[in-house]
């Protein structure tokens, strides 16, 4: 008979009942005893739990403000309907980060309010406004900017510093909403409060008075656009120039003087317009702003045509200003040199001094080898100068081409070859 073999286990098995005991221990470790509150916490969303936590800790005012803002927004989204801008905007009550910011800053503000620490209240509300402003949630940032302003108006201990800061921020918020008059009032208040406060500075080192004046200058120009009477526009633009001077920003000063000078020219106040535009031109050249130089030079050109008796004097002044720029940057070469030479050429071109214009623009084009990104704009300037210089010849050929096919062929060749000698050859043949 075959021998029977018994299999033996390689390792001893656990004693009887050990597996059941281990399973019981594991289940007791992994499963907490659920209370009513913990069950609700796991069942509710984060927004609901945030509200409960704020109420449980006694921050009823903070809870009420957050809850009312979010619920009002929900109603607005529902009323707007699907597919609208409101419905596509970020949903605040579904974002954990936004809700945490709400709870942190609003509860801290309420805690400070209980201790009558108004500066801390203002600080927390302002930080919350800036937080939402950075995330483009303007409906929240504007609400808290307004609230910060109301709090700052009650603070006396900081000599108006909080009120100045809050006024500027509210002014910018109003500007973004198109409320120009309200923006102007807030910014004028900020400029007034920061007057003489040299220690109130931004991270860039500029004083608060400078930055508020910078914003005020821009808002005053926007306010002038909404006025219908020339007198009101001139008054606002003059204030814009004064605010720009206070800001000490060259571009702001040049821009303000350009708009004011243009309006003075339209009002036929030519002498004052000339002085204002020349000042703006000087500032534009300091910062080498090509766009502003072109705009101001164009208005000066119109002014010369309107004031024939004073044309030479205006030209001499503008010419002297641009020559300073050319002398200043020509030695540097590159982009700055090309810009300065181009503007000088366009000035001569506007005043029909085509020979001087051609010389300077050719020099600028030669310098394009050091400033490749200026080659295209210089080509355009070359075409403008040369085209104006030979405009009369071209128009005469156009008139003759209606009767003579030979002249039409000359124009076509000139267009295709871009060779001015074809026009000159045609003129000589016609004379012979």
Protein backbone atom coordinates (compact mmCIF):
# COMPACT_ATOMS: atom_id res chain seq x y z
CA UNK A 1 0.00 0.00 0.00
CA UNK A 2 1.23 3.49 -0.75
CA UNK A 3 2.58 5.41 2.13
CA UNK A 4 0.40 8.34 3.29
CA UNK A 5 2.11 11.71 3.72
CA UNK A 6 0.86 14.55 5.92
CA UNK A 7 1.63 18.15 4.92
CA UNK A 8 3.09 20.25 7.64
CA UNK A 9 2.78 24.06 7.74
CA UNK A 10 6.04 25.95 7.43
CA UNK A 11 5.08 28.40 10.18
CA UNK A 12 3.04 27.85 13.28
CA UNK A 13 -0.56 29.07 12.97
CA UNK A 14 -2.05 31.62 15.31
CA UNK A 15 -3.72 30.43 18.44
CA UNK A 16 -7.43 29.93 18.32
CA UNK A 17 -9.39 33.22 18.24
CA UNK A 18 -6.36 35.47 17.52
CA UNK A 19 -7.55 36.66 14.05
CA UNK A 20 -10.87 37.79 15.39
CA UNK A 21 -9.16 39.70 18.17
CA UNK A 22 -6.84 41.49 15.69
CA UNK A 23 -9.77 42.47 13.47
CA UNK A 24 -11.56 43.92 16.46
CA UNK A 25 -8.54 46.00 17.46
CA UNK A 26 -8.12 47.40 13.93
CA UNK A 27 -11.76 48.32 13.69
CA UNK A 28 -11.58 50.15 17.01
CA UNK A 29 -8.56 52.15 15.81
CA UNK A 30 -9.90 53.20 12.36
CA UNK A 31 -13.48 53.97 13.28
CA UNK A 32 -14.19 56.93 15.55
CA UNK A 33 -17.33 57.14 17.54
CA UNK A 34 -19.53 59.53 15.50
CA UNK A 35 -21.29 62.29 17.38
CA UNK A 36 -24.06 64.48 16.02
CA UNK A 37 -21.68 67.39 15.37
CA UNK A 38 -19.02 65.28 13.64
CA UNK A 39 -21.68 63.67 11.48
CA UNK A 40 -22.93 67.11 10.41
CA UNK A 41 -19.37 68.26 9.73
CA UNK A 42 -18.73 65.36 7.36
CA UNK A 43 -22.11 65.77 5.68
CA UNK A 44 -22.07 69.58 5.18
CA UNK A 45 -20.03 71.50 2.62
CA UNK A 46 -17.11 73.76 3.58
CA UNK A 47 -19.17 76.95 3.39
CA UNK A 48 -21.75 75.56 5.83
CA UNK A 49 -19.07 74.37 8.25
CA UNK A 50 -17.29 77.76 8.10
CA UNK A 51 -20.51 79.50 9.08
CA UNK A 52 -21.06 77.07 11.97
CA UNK A 53 -17.50 77.53 13.23
CA UNK A 54 -17.78 81.34 13.20
CA UNK A 55 -21.05 81.17 15.13
CA UNK A 56 -19.72 78.56 17.59
CA UNK A 57 -16.76 80.85 18.40
CA UNK A 58 -19.02 83.84 18.93
CA UNK A 59 -18.20 85.90 15.81
CA UNK A 60 -21.81 86.69 14.95
CA UNK A 61 -21.04 90.00 13.23
CA UNK A 62 -18.36 88.48 11.00
CA UNK A 63 -20.65 85.58 10.13
CA UNK A 64 -23.56 87.90 9.27
CA UNK A 65 -21.46 90.01 6.90
CA UNK A 66 -19.97 87.03 5.06
CA UNK A 67 -23.30 85.20 4.87
CA UNK A 68 -25.26 88.23 3.62
CA UNK A 69 -22.67 89.06 0.94
CA UNK A 70 -22.59 85.51 -0.41
CA UNK A 71 -26.35 84.97 -0.30
CA UNK A 72 -27.00 88.30 -2.03
CA UNK A 73 -24.56 87.28 -4.75
CA UNK A 74 -26.38 83.97 -5.17
CA UNK A 75 -29.65 85.82 -5.74
CA UNK A 76 -28.01 88.10 -8.34
CA UNK A 77 -26.58 85.11 -10.21
CA UNK A 78 -29.96 83.37 -10.22
CA UNK A 79 -31.68 86.52 -11.48
CA UNK A 80 -29.07 87.00 -14.23
CA UNK A 81 -29.60 83.49 -15.53
CA UNK A 82 -27.26 80.92 -17.10
CA UNK A 83 -24.64 82.00 -19.62
CA UNK A 84 -24.32 85.55 -18.24
CA UNK A 85 -21.09 87.10 -16.95
CA UNK A 86 -22.29 86.70 -13.37
CA UNK A 87 -22.93 82.99 -13.83
CA UNK A 88 -19.46 82.50 -15.32
CA UNK A 89 -17.65 84.36 -12.52
CA UNK A 90 -15.80 82.43 -9.77
CA UNK A 91 -18.16 81.02 -7.14
CA UNK A 92 -16.89 82.30 -3.80
CA UNK A 93 -18.81 79.97 -1.49
CA UNK A 94 -17.33 76.93 -3.25
CA UNK A 95 -13.73 78.09 -2.87
CA UNK A 96 -11.99 77.02 0.35
CA UNK A 97 -9.27 79.69 0.04
CA UNK A 98 -11.78 82.54 -0.24
CA UNK A 99 -13.80 81.28 2.73
CA UNK A 100 -10.66 80.98 4.85
CA UNK A 101 -9.75 84.58 4.01
CA UNK A 102 -13.24 85.70 4.98
CA UNK A 103 -13.08 83.93 8.32
CA UNK A 104 -9.53 84.99 9.18
CA UNK A 105 -9.86 88.72 8.45
CA UNK A 106 -13.48 89.29 9.51
CA UNK A 107 -13.06 87.48 12.83
CA UNK A 108 -9.79 89.35 13.50
CA UNK A 109 -11.55 92.65 12.73
CA UNK A 110 -14.43 91.79 15.06
CA UNK A 111 -11.98 90.82 17.82
CA UNK A 112 -10.14 94.16 17.41
CA UNK A 113 -13.43 96.06 17.41
CA UNK A 114 -14.35 94.56 20.79
CA UNK A 115 -11.07 95.95 22.14
CA UNK A 116 -11.68 99.36 20.48
CA UNK A 117 -8.53 98.96 18.37
CA UNK A 118 -9.80 100.78 15.29
CA UNK A 119 -6.48 100.80 13.45
CA UNK A 120 -6.37 96.98 13.60
CA UNK A 121 -9.97 96.84 12.42
CA UNK A 122 -9.06 99.06 9.45
CA UNK A 123 -5.93 97.01 8.73
CA UNK A 124 -7.80 93.69 8.56
CA UNK A 125 -10.61 95.05 6.38
CA UNK A 126 -8.12 96.75 4.03
CA UNK A 127 -6.10 93.55 3.69
CA UNK A 128 -9.26 91.63 2.85
CA UNK A 129 -10.17 94.24 0.20
CA UNK A 130 -6.70 94.00 -1.36
CA UNK A 131 -6.87 90.19 -1.27
CA UNK A 132 -10.06 90.14 -3.33
CA UNK A 133 -8.81 92.96 -5.56
CA UNK A 134 -5.76 90.89 -6.54
CA UNK A 135 -8.10 88.05 -7.52
CA UNK A 136 -10.32 90.34 -9.63
CA UNK A 137 -13.35 89.86 -7.36
CA UNK A 138 -14.31 93.52 -7.59
CA UNK A 139 -17.78 93.11 -6.09
CA UNK A 140 -16.09 92.08 -2.85
CA UNK A 141 -13.03 94.34 -3.00
CA UNK A 142 -15.14 97.45 -3.63
CA UNK A 143 -17.42 96.57 -0.71
CA UNK A 144 -14.49 96.28 1.67
CA UNK A 145 -12.73 99.38 0.28
CA UNK A 146 -15.87 101.38 1.11
CA UNK A 147 -16.06 99.78 4.55
CA UNK A 148 -12.37 100.54 5.20
CA UNK A 149 -12.99 104.19 4.29
CA UNK A 150 -15.87 104.40 6.77
CA UNK A 151 -13.66 102.94 9.51
CA UNK A 152 -10.70 105.19 8.62
CA UNK A 153 -12.87 108.32 8.89
CA UNK A 154 -13.27 107.57 12.62
CA UNK A 155 -9.54 107.10 13.29
CA UNK A 156 -7.78 110.13 14.78
CA UNK A 157 -4.60 108.65 16.25
CA UNK A 158 -2.66 108.32 12.96
CA UNK A 159 -3.04 111.93 11.73
CA UNK A 160 -5.22 110.92 8.80
CA UNK A 161 -2.85 108.32 7.34
CA UNK A 162 -5.48 105.57 7.20
CA UNK A 163 -8.05 107.97 5.74
CA UNK A 164 -5.58 109.09 3.07
CA UNK A 165 -4.82 105.51 2.05
CA UNK A 166 -8.49 104.49 2.05
CA UNK A 167 -9.48 107.58 0.04
CA UNK A 168 -6.99 106.79 -2.72
CA UNK A 169 -8.13 103.17 -2.92
CA UNK A 170 -11.79 104.16 -3.05
CA UNK A 171 -10.94 106.71 -5.74
CA UNK A 172 -9.39 104.02 -7.92
CA UNK A 173 -12.33 101.69 -7.27
CA UNK A 174 -14.78 104.41 -8.35
CA UNK A 175 -12.71 105.09 -11.47
CA UNK A 176 -12.90 101.41 -12.46
CA UNK A 177 -16.70 101.58 -12.11
CA UNK A 178 -16.87 104.72 -14.25
CA UNK A 179 -17.88 106.96 -11.33
CA UNK A 180 -15.49 109.75 -12.30
CA UNK A 181 -16.85 112.52 -10.06
CA UNK A 182 -16.77 110.28 -6.98
CA UNK A 183 -13.27 109.16 -7.91
CA UNK A 184 -12.15 112.77 -8.27
CA UNK A 185 -13.54 113.67 -4.81
CA UNK A 186 -11.77 110.75 -3.13
CA UNK A 187 -8.43 111.45 -4.82
CA UNK A 188 -8.58 115.17 -4.05
CA UNK A 189 -9.09 114.22 -0.40
CA UNK A 190 -6.08 111.89 -0.55
CA UNK A 191 -3.90 114.63 -2.08
CA UNK A 192 -5.03 117.07 0.60
CA UNK A 193 -4.28 114.67 3.48
CA UNK A 194 -0.86 113.65 2.13
CA UNK A 195 0.30 117.22 1.53
CA UNK A 196 3.61 117.77 3.34
CA UNK A 197 3.77 114.16 4.59
CA UNK A 198 7.16 113.23 3.19
CA UNK A 199 7.49 110.16 5.40
CA UNK A 200 4.40 108.49 3.94
CA UNK A 201 6.00 106.52 1.12
CA UNK A 202 5.24 103.57 -1.14
CA UNK A 203 7.47 100.51 -1.52
CA UNK A 204 9.03 102.20 -4.59
CA UNK A 205 10.11 105.20 -2.53
CA UNK A 206 7.56 107.66 -3.95
CA UNK A 207 5.51 109.72 -1.53
CA UNK A 208 1.80 109.11 -1.19
CA UNK A 209 1.24 112.66 -2.35
CA UNK A 210 3.00 111.88 -5.62
CA UNK A 211 1.00 108.74 -6.33
CA UNK A 212 -2.33 110.36 -5.41
CA UNK A 213 -1.49 113.33 -7.64
CA UNK A 214 -0.58 110.96 -10.46
CA UNK A 215 -3.99 109.27 -10.26
CA UNK A 216 -5.80 112.60 -9.83
CA UNK A 217 -4.21 114.02 -12.99
CA UNK A 218 -5.57 111.11 -15.02
CA UNK A 219 -9.05 111.27 -13.46
CA UNK A 220 -9.27 115.02 -14.10
CA UNK A 221 -8.60 114.38 -17.79
CA UNK A 222 -11.41 111.82 -17.80
CA UNK A 223 -13.69 114.33 -16.08
CA UNK A 224 -12.84 116.93 -18.73
CA UNK A 225 -13.96 114.54 -21.48
CA UNK A 226 -17.43 114.40 -19.93
CA UNK A 227 -17.83 118.19 -19.86
CA UNK A 228 -19.62 119.90 -22.73
CA UNK A 229 -18.43 123.48 -22.26
CA UNK A 230 -14.95 124.53 -23.36
CA UNK A 231 -14.47 126.64 -20.22
CA UNK A 232 -15.08 123.68 -17.88
CA UNK A 233 -12.78 121.46 -19.92
CA UNK A 234 -9.97 124.00 -19.76
CA UNK A 235 -10.35 124.40 -15.99
CA UNK A 236 -10.18 120.66 -15.38
CA UNK A 237 -7.24 120.16 -17.73
CA UNK A 238 -5.34 122.99 -16.06
CA UNK A 239 -5.88 121.25 -12.70
CA UNK A 240 -4.68 118.05 -14.34
CA UNK A 241 -1.41 119.77 -15.29
CA UNK A 242 -0.99 121.06 -11.73
CA UNK A 243 -1.57 117.57 -10.31
CA UNK A 244 0.91 116.12 -12.82
CA UNK A 245 3.55 118.64 -11.75
CA UNK A 246 3.02 117.56 -8.14
CA UNK A 247 3.46 113.90 -9.10
CA UNK A 248 6.89 114.66 -10.64
CA UNK A 249 6.42 111.82 -13.15
CA UNK A 250 7.77 112.93 -16.53
CA UNK A 251 5.29 110.94 -18.60
CA UNK A 252 2.33 112.22 -16.58
CA UNK A 253 3.54 115.81 -16.93
CA UNK A 254 4.04 115.44 -20.68
CA UNK A 255 0.65 113.76 -21.17
CA UNK A 256 -1.20 116.39 -19.13
CA UNK A 257 0.47 119.25 -21.01
CA UNK A 258 -0.31 117.62 -24.35
CA UNK A 259 -4.04 117.35 -23.60
CA UNK A 260 -4.18 120.86 -22.12
CA UNK A 261 -2.19 122.34 -25.01
CA UNK A 262 -4.42 120.61 -27.56
CA UNK A 263 -7.55 122.01 -25.91
CA UNK A 264 -6.00 125.50 -25.75
CA UNK A 265 -5.24 125.26 -29.46
CA UNK A 266 -8.84 124.26 -30.17
CA UNK A 267 -9.96 127.26 -28.10
CA UNK A 268 -7.65 129.45 -30.26
CA UNK A 269 -5.57 130.46 -27.25
CA UNK A 270 -2.44 129.99 -29.33
CA UNK A 271 0.20 131.67 -27.20
CA UNK A 272 -0.62 129.65 -24.09
CA UNK A 273 -1.04 126.51 -26.19
CA UNK A 274 2.46 126.97 -27.58
CA UNK A 275 4.02 127.31 -24.11
CA UNK A 276 2.14 124.29 -22.80
CA UNK A 277 3.01 122.07 -25.76
CA UNK A 278 6.68 123.04 -25.66
CA UNK A 279 6.81 122.08 -21.99
CA UNK A 280 5.19 118.74 -22.77
CA UNK A 281 7.66 118.16 -25.61
CA UNK A 282 10.62 118.72 -23.32
CA UNK A 283 9.31 116.19 -20.79
CA UNK A 284 8.55 113.65 -23.52
CA UNK A 285 12.12 113.91 -24.79
CA UNK A 286 13.55 113.42 -21.30
CA UNK A 287 11.94 109.97 -21.11
CA UNK A 288 12.33 109.41 -24.88
CA UNK A 289 8.63 108.67 -25.34
CA UNK A 290 8.27 108.40 -29.11
CA UNK A 291 4.46 108.41 -29.14
CA UNK A 292 4.11 111.62 -27.11
CA UNK A 293 6.80 113.39 -29.15
CA UNK A 294 4.91 112.58 -32.34
CA UNK A 295 1.58 113.78 -30.94
CA UNK A 296 2.97 117.06 -29.59
CA UNK A 297 4.99 117.75 -32.73
CA UNK A 298 1.86 117.26 -34.85
CA UNK A 299 -0.09 119.82 -32.80
CA UNK A 300 2.82 122.27 -32.96
CA UNK A 301 2.77 121.84 -36.74
CA UNK A 302 -0.93 122.73 -36.82
CA UNK A 303 -0.21 125.69 -34.57
CA UNK A 304 2.41 126.99 -37.00
CA UNK A 305 -0.05 126.84 -39.87
CA UNK A 306 -2.61 128.71 -37.78
CA UNK A 307 -0.13 131.36 -36.62
CA UNK A 308 1.72 132.37 -39.75
CA UNK A 309 3.25 135.48 -38.17
CA UNK A 310 4.72 133.46 -35.29
CA UNK A 311 5.57 130.36 -37.32
CA UNK A 312 9.32 130.97 -37.42
CA UNK A 313 9.52 131.58 -33.67
CA UNK A 314 7.58 128.39 -32.87
CA UNK A 315 9.68 126.39 -35.31
CA UNK A 316 12.91 127.70 -33.80
CA UNK A 317 11.82 126.72 -30.28
CA UNK A 318 10.65 123.24 -31.27
CA UNK A 319 13.76 122.78 -33.39
CA UNK A 320 16.00 123.77 -30.47
CA UNK A 321 14.24 121.33 -28.13
CA UNK A 322 14.59 118.43 -30.56
CA UNK A 323 18.21 119.29 -31.31
CA UNK A 324 19.01 118.95 -27.62
CA UNK A 325 17.57 115.46 -27.71
CA UNK A 326 19.55 114.56 -30.83
CA UNK A 327 22.81 115.85 -29.33
CA UNK A 328 22.08 114.04 -26.06
CA UNK A 329 21.47 110.57 -27.47
CA UNK A 330 23.26 110.55 -30.84
CA UNK A 331 26.55 109.65 -29.20
CA UNK A 332 24.87 106.65 -27.54
CA UNK A 333 23.76 105.23 -30.88
CA UNK A 334 21.16 102.52 -31.18
CA UNK A 335 17.46 102.94 -30.59
CA UNK A 336 17.56 106.33 -28.81
CA UNK A 337 19.56 107.90 -31.61
CA UNK A 338 17.19 106.59 -34.29
CA UNK A 339 14.13 107.90 -32.43
CA UNK A 340 15.59 111.36 -31.91
CA UNK A 341 16.76 111.72 -35.52
CA UNK A 342 13.41 110.47 -36.84
CA UNK A 343 11.47 113.00 -34.78
CA UNK A 344 13.76 115.82 -35.89
CA UNK A 345 13.23 114.76 -39.50
CA UNK A 346 9.44 114.57 -39.13
CA UNK A 347 9.44 118.05 -37.57
CA UNK A 348 11.25 119.48 -40.59
CA UNK A 349 8.94 117.54 -42.85
CA UNK A 350 5.87 119.03 -41.17
CA UNK A 351 7.26 122.50 -41.75
CA UNK A 352 8.07 121.66 -45.41
CA UNK A 353 11.84 121.85 -44.92
CA UNK A 354 12.31 118.71 -46.98
CA UNK A 355 16.06 118.95 -47.55
CA UNK A 356 16.86 118.98 -43.82
CA UNK A 357 14.25 116.28 -43.23
CA UNK A 358 15.78 114.00 -45.87
CA UNK A 359 19.30 114.39 -44.47
CA UNK A 360 18.25 113.50 -40.94
CA UNK A 361 16.01 110.58 -41.85
CA UNK A 362 18.75 109.05 -43.99
CA UNK A 363 21.10 109.37 -41.02
CA UNK A 364 18.52 107.68 -38.80
CA UNK A 365 18.09 104.87 -41.32
CA UNK A 366 21.85 104.35 -41.37
CA UNK A 367 21.82 104.01 -37.56
CA UNK A 368 19.17 101.28 -37.79
CA UNK A 369 22.01 98.77 -38.11
CA UNK A 370 22.46 99.17 -34.34
CA UNK A 371 18.71 99.12 -33.59
CA UNK A 372 17.05 96.48 -35.72
CA UNK A 373 13.63 96.94 -34.07
CA UNK A 374 13.50 100.54 -35.35
CA UNK A 375 14.09 99.70 -39.02
CA UNK A 376 10.42 99.36 -39.94
CA UNK A 377 9.31 102.64 -38.33
CA UNK A 378 12.26 104.44 -39.92
CA UNK A 379 11.35 103.04 -43.35
CA UNK A 380 7.87 104.51 -42.88
CA UNK A 381 9.37 107.87 -41.91
CA UNK A 382 11.64 107.79 -44.96
CA UNK A 383 8.64 107.16 -47.19
CA UNK A 384 6.73 110.01 -45.57
CA UNK A 385 9.54 112.52 -46.00
CA UNK A 386 10.40 111.55 -49.58
CA UNK A 387 6.74 111.34 -50.54
CA UNK A 388 6.02 114.84 -49.27
CA UNK A 389 9.11 116.23 -50.95
CA UNK A 390 8.05 114.93 -54.39
CA UNK A 391 4.31 115.27 -53.91
CA UNK A 392 3.95 118.08 -56.46
CA UNK A 393 5.86 116.12 -59.12
CA UNK A 394 3.74 113.05 -58.49
CA UNK A 395 0.46 114.98 -58.71
CA UNK A 396 1.56 116.59 -61.96
CA UNK A 397 2.38 113.20 -63.45
CA UNK A 398 -1.02 111.93 -62.30
CA UNK A 399 -2.73 114.78 -64.11
CA UNK A 400 -0.75 114.14 -67.30
CA UNK A 401 -1.36 110.39 -67.11
CA UNK A 402 -5.06 110.91 -67.76
CA UNK A 403 -4.21 112.11 -71.26
CA UNK A 404 -0.92 110.41 -72.07
CA UNK A 405 -0.21 106.68 -71.73
CA UNK A 406 3.52 107.36 -71.62
CA UNK A 407 3.16 109.32 -68.41
CA UNK A 408 1.02 106.56 -66.96
CA UNK A 409 3.81 104.08 -67.74
CA UNK A 410 6.27 106.37 -65.95
CA UNK A 411 4.12 106.31 -62.82
CA UNK A 412 3.83 102.53 -62.93
CA UNK A 413 7.61 102.16 -63.30
CA UNK A 414 8.18 104.57 -60.44
CA UNK A 415 5.81 102.57 -58.25
CA UNK A 416 7.40 99.22 -59.13
CA UNK A 417 11.02 100.34 -59.01
CA UNK A 418 10.70 103.02 -56.28
CA UNK A 419 13.16 105.08 -58.32
CA UNK A 420 12.68 108.84 -58.24
CA UNK A 421 14.88 109.26 -61.32
CA UNK A 422 12.00 108.03 -63.46
CA UNK A 423 10.00 111.11 -62.47
CA UNK A 424 12.96 113.41 -63.03
CA UNK A 425 13.71 111.82 -66.45
CA UNK A 426 10.10 112.29 -67.44
CA UNK A 427 10.24 115.96 -66.45
CA UNK A 428 13.35 116.55 -68.60
CA UNK A 429 11.80 114.77 -71.58
CA UNK A 430 8.69 116.86 -71.23
CA UNK A 431 10.74 120.07 -71.15
CA UNK A 432 12.69 119.06 -74.28
